[in-house]
């Protein structure tokens, strides 16, 4: 349905299924995040807009704190990385 009705706030689902190893997957269109630096360079931000963006960033940071990754391998970039199982501090 999303594919039939494109909307700026809806991501189109391209494919979904189950991989050979049993994991389910969804393939969606890539939608890059807005570039706040580009927006600020193209048009001046009002105080209200700047506060709105700052609040969004603070909430995202609060709700999804960065987690350390465990990387293996001595090459650069590392051979593989996965999120740490330790709770964020």
N, C-alpha and C. Protein backbone atom coordinates (compact mmCIF):
# COMPACT_ATOMS: atom_id res chain seq x y z
N UNK A 1 0.83 -1.20 0.00
CA UNK A 1 0.00 0.00 0.00
C UNK A 1 0.87 1.26 0.00
N UNK A 2 1.96 1.25 0.78
CA UNK A 2 2.83 2.43 0.79
C UNK A 2 3.42 2.67 -0.59
N UNK A 3 3.69 1.61 -1.32
CA UNK A 3 4.26 1.74 -2.65
C UNK A 3 3.27 2.38 -3.61
N UNK A 4 1.99 2.13 -3.41
CA UNK A 4 0.96 2.66 -4.30
C UNK A 4 0.64 4.11 -3.99
N UNK A 5 0.92 4.54 -2.79
CA UNK A 5 0.57 5.89 -2.39
C UNK A 5 1.78 6.58 -1.80
N UNK A 6 2.70 7.09 -2.64
CA UNK A 6 3.89 7.74 -2.09
C UNK A 6 3.52 8.97 -1.27
N UNK A 7 4.14 9.09 -0.16
CA UNK A 7 3.89 10.21 0.74
C UNK A 7 5.24 10.59 1.35
N UNK A 8 5.51 11.86 1.56
CA UNK A 8 6.82 12.25 2.08
C UNK A 8 7.15 11.67 3.46
N UNK A 9 6.15 11.23 4.21
CA UNK A 9 6.40 10.69 5.55
C UNK A 9 6.27 9.18 5.60
N UNK A 10 6.15 8.52 4.44
CA UNK A 10 5.99 7.06 4.41
C UNK A 10 7.11 6.46 3.55
N UNK A 11 7.80 5.47 4.10
CA UNK A 11 8.87 4.79 3.38
C UNK A 11 8.25 3.62 2.61
N UNK A 12 8.62 3.48 1.35
CA UNK A 12 8.11 2.37 0.54
C UNK A 12 8.81 1.07 0.89
N UNK A 13 8.03 0.01 1.04
CA UNK A 13 8.58 -1.33 1.27
C UNK A 13 8.77 -1.97 -0.10
N UNK A 14 10.00 -2.40 -0.39
CA UNK A 14 10.32 -2.96 -1.69
C UNK A 14 10.18 -4.47 -1.67
N UNK A 15 10.61 -5.12 -0.58
CA UNK A 15 10.57 -6.58 -0.50
C UNK A 15 10.58 -6.99 0.97
N UNK A 16 10.10 -8.18 1.24
CA UNK A 16 10.14 -8.76 2.58
C UNK A 16 10.19 -10.27 2.42
N UNK A 17 10.78 -10.94 3.37
CA UNK A 17 10.87 -12.39 3.27
C UNK A 17 11.65 -12.99 4.40
N UNK A 18 12.10 -14.21 4.17
CA UNK A 18 12.88 -14.94 5.16
C UNK A 18 14.16 -15.42 4.49
N UNK A 19 15.30 -15.11 5.10
CA UNK A 19 16.60 -15.53 4.56
C UNK A 19 16.80 -17.02 4.76
N UNK A 20 17.78 -17.58 4.09
CA UNK A 20 18.05 -19.02 4.20
C UNK A 20 18.35 -19.45 5.62
N UNK A 21 18.92 -18.55 6.43
CA UNK A 21 19.24 -18.90 7.81
C UNK A 21 18.05 -18.71 8.75
N UNK A 22 16.88 -18.34 8.21
CA UNK A 22 15.67 -18.23 9.02
C UNK A 22 15.33 -16.83 9.50
N UNK A 23 16.27 -15.88 9.34
CA UNK A 23 15.99 -14.52 9.79
C UNK A 23 15.07 -13.83 8.80
N UNK A 24 14.10 -13.10 9.34
CA UNK A 24 13.19 -12.34 8.49
C UNK A 24 13.82 -11.00 8.13
N UNK A 25 13.45 -10.45 6.98
CA UNK A 25 14.01 -9.19 6.56
C UNK A 25 12.96 -8.35 5.83
N UNK A 26 13.19 -7.05 5.81
CA UNK A 26 12.37 -6.10 5.07
C UNK A 26 13.33 -5.20 4.31
N UNK A 27 13.08 -4.99 3.03
CA UNK A 27 13.88 -4.09 2.22
C UNK A 27 13.03 -2.84 1.97
N UNK A 28 13.55 -1.68 2.41
CA UNK A 28 12.82 -0.43 2.25
C UNK A 28 13.66 0.56 1.47
N UNK A 29 13.01 1.54 0.89
CA UNK A 29 13.75 2.57 0.18
C UNK A 29 14.64 3.32 1.15
N UNK A 30 15.76 3.81 0.66
CA UNK A 30 16.68 4.60 1.49
C UNK A 30 16.22 6.05 1.48
N UNK A 31 16.05 6.58 2.66
CA UNK A 31 15.67 7.99 2.81
C UNK A 31 16.72 8.64 3.71
N UNK A 32 17.63 9.40 3.14
CA UNK A 32 18.66 10.02 3.97
C UNK A 32 18.03 11.03 4.93
N UNK A 33 18.62 11.15 6.12
CA UNK A 33 18.08 12.12 7.07
C UNK A 33 18.31 13.54 6.56
N UNK A 34 17.49 14.47 7.04
CA UNK A 34 17.73 15.86 6.63
C UNK A 34 19.10 16.32 7.12
N UNK A 35 19.77 17.10 6.33
CA UNK A 35 21.08 17.63 6.66
C UNK A 35 20.89 19.00 7.31
N UNK A 36 20.96 19.02 8.64
CA UNK A 36 20.71 20.26 9.36
C UNK A 36 21.69 21.36 8.96
N UNK A 37 22.94 20.99 8.72
CA UNK A 37 23.92 21.98 8.28
C UNK A 37 23.54 22.58 6.95
N UNK A 38 23.07 21.73 6.01
CA UNK A 38 22.64 22.22 4.70
C UNK A 38 21.43 23.12 4.81
N UNK A 39 20.49 22.75 5.67
CA UNK A 39 19.30 23.58 5.87
C UNK A 39 19.70 24.95 6.42
N UNK A 40 20.58 24.95 7.42
CA UNK A 40 21.00 26.21 8.05
C UNK A 40 21.77 27.09 7.07
N UNK A 41 22.56 26.47 6.16
CA UNK A 41 23.30 27.28 5.18
C UNK A 41 22.39 27.85 4.10
N UNK A 42 21.32 27.14 3.76
CA UNK A 42 20.46 27.59 2.67
C UNK A 42 19.46 28.66 3.12
N UNK A 43 19.10 28.62 4.38
CA UNK A 43 18.16 29.62 4.90
C UNK A 43 18.41 29.81 6.39
N UNK A 44 18.37 31.02 6.87
CA UNK A 44 18.59 31.25 8.30
C UNK A 44 17.48 30.59 9.13
N UNK A 45 17.88 29.98 10.24
CA UNK A 45 16.90 29.36 11.13
C UNK A 45 16.41 30.39 12.13
N UNK A 46 15.11 30.38 12.36
CA UNK A 46 14.57 31.23 13.42
C UNK A 46 14.91 30.59 14.76
N UNK A 47 14.78 31.33 15.82
CA UNK A 47 15.03 30.78 17.16
C UNK A 47 14.08 29.62 17.40
N UNK A 48 12.84 29.75 16.97
CA UNK A 48 11.86 28.68 17.15
C UNK A 48 12.28 27.41 16.42
N UNK A 49 12.76 27.53 15.17
CA UNK A 49 13.20 26.37 14.41
C UNK A 49 14.43 25.72 15.06
N UNK A 50 15.38 26.56 15.48
CA UNK A 50 16.59 26.04 16.11
C UNK A 50 16.25 25.27 17.39
N UNK A 51 15.35 25.81 18.19
CA UNK A 51 14.93 25.11 19.42
C UNK A 51 14.21 23.81 19.09
N UNK A 52 13.38 23.81 18.05
CA UNK A 52 12.67 22.60 17.65
C UNK A 52 13.67 21.49 17.29
N UNK A 53 14.69 21.83 16.48
CA UNK A 53 15.71 20.84 16.10
C UNK A 53 16.51 20.38 17.32
N UNK A 54 16.86 21.31 18.21
CA UNK A 54 17.63 20.95 19.40
C UNK A 54 16.85 19.98 20.29
N UNK A 55 15.57 20.21 20.43
CA UNK A 55 14.73 19.33 21.25
C UNK A 55 14.64 17.94 20.62
N UNK A 56 14.49 17.89 19.28
CA UNK A 56 14.43 16.59 18.59
C UNK A 56 15.73 15.80 18.80
N UNK A 57 16.86 16.47 18.67
CA UNK A 57 18.15 15.81 18.84
C UNK A 57 18.30 15.32 20.28
N UNK A 58 17.94 16.14 21.25
CA UNK A 58 18.06 15.77 22.66
C UNK A 58 17.17 14.57 22.98
N UNK A 59 15.96 14.56 22.47
CA UNK A 59 15.06 13.42 22.72
C UNK A 59 15.60 12.14 22.08
N UNK A 60 16.09 12.26 20.85
CA UNK A 60 16.62 11.08 20.17
C UNK A 60 17.83 10.54 20.94
N UNK A 61 18.67 11.44 21.39
CA UNK A 61 19.86 11.03 22.15
C UNK A 61 19.46 10.38 23.48
N UNK A 62 18.42 10.93 24.12
CA UNK A 62 17.94 10.38 25.39
C UNK A 62 17.33 9.00 25.18
N UNK A 63 16.50 8.86 24.15
CA UNK A 63 15.77 7.62 23.92
C UNK A 63 16.64 6.53 23.27
N UNK A 64 17.68 6.93 22.56
CA UNK A 64 18.54 5.97 21.86
C UNK A 64 20.01 6.32 22.10
N UNK A 65 20.49 6.14 23.33
CA UNK A 65 21.88 6.51 23.60
C UNK A 65 22.84 5.63 22.79
N UNK A 66 23.98 6.18 22.39
CA UNK A 66 24.93 5.38 21.63
C UNK A 66 25.48 4.25 22.49
N UNK A 67 25.69 3.10 21.85
CA UNK A 67 26.24 1.96 22.57
C UNK A 67 27.61 1.64 21.99
N UNK A 68 28.54 1.25 22.86
CA UNK A 68 29.86 0.90 22.34
C UNK A 68 29.78 -0.36 21.49
N UNK A 69 30.68 -0.48 20.55
CA UNK A 69 30.72 -1.64 19.68
C UNK A 69 31.97 -2.46 20.00
N UNK A 70 31.85 -3.76 19.83
CA UNK A 70 32.98 -4.66 19.98
C UNK A 70 33.46 -5.02 18.59
N UNK A 71 34.71 -4.70 18.28
CA UNK A 71 35.25 -4.95 16.94
C UNK A 71 36.35 -5.99 17.02
N UNK A 72 36.44 -6.81 15.98
CA UNK A 72 37.48 -7.83 15.90
C UNK A 72 38.32 -7.60 14.66
N UNK A 73 39.53 -8.10 14.70
CA UNK A 73 40.42 -7.99 13.55
C UNK A 73 41.41 -6.86 13.76
N UNK A 74 42.55 -6.99 13.11
CA UNK A 74 43.60 -5.98 13.26
C UNK A 74 43.68 -5.07 12.06
N UNK A 75 42.87 -5.35 11.04
CA UNK A 75 42.91 -4.51 9.85
C UNK A 75 42.16 -3.21 10.09
N UNK A 76 42.34 -2.27 9.19
CA UNK A 76 41.60 -1.02 9.28
C UNK A 76 40.84 -0.84 7.98
N UNK A 77 39.54 -0.91 7.95
CA UNK A 77 38.62 -1.03 9.08
C UNK A 77 38.64 -2.44 9.67
N UNK A 78 38.10 -2.61 10.90
CA UNK A 78 38.10 -3.92 11.55
C UNK A 78 37.35 -4.95 10.70
N UNK A 79 37.64 -6.23 10.96
CA UNK A 79 37.00 -7.31 10.23
C UNK A 79 35.49 -7.32 10.47
N UNK A 80 35.07 -7.18 11.71
CA UNK A 80 33.64 -7.14 12.02
C UNK A 80 33.41 -6.38 13.31
N UNK A 81 32.25 -5.79 13.42
CA UNK A 81 31.85 -5.07 14.63
C UNK A 81 30.43 -5.44 14.97
N UNK A 82 30.13 -5.51 16.25
CA UNK A 82 28.76 -5.77 16.69
C UNK A 82 28.50 -4.95 17.94
N UNK A 83 27.23 -4.58 18.18
CA UNK A 83 26.92 -3.79 19.37
C UNK A 83 27.31 -4.54 20.63
N UNK A 84 27.80 -3.82 21.61
CA UNK A 84 28.15 -4.41 22.89
C UNK A 84 26.88 -4.85 23.61
N UNK A 85 26.96 -5.92 24.38
CA UNK A 85 25.80 -6.38 25.14
C UNK A 85 25.68 -5.66 26.47
N UNK A 86 26.69 -4.90 26.82
CA UNK A 86 26.65 -4.16 28.07
C UNK A 86 25.66 -3.00 27.97
N UNK A 87 24.96 -2.73 29.05
CA UNK A 87 24.01 -1.62 29.07
C UNK A 87 24.78 -0.32 28.99
N UNK A 88 24.22 0.68 28.26
CA UNK A 88 24.90 1.97 28.18
C UNK A 88 24.98 2.62 29.54
N UNK A 89 26.07 3.34 29.79
CA UNK A 89 26.22 3.99 31.10
C UNK A 89 25.71 5.39 31.06
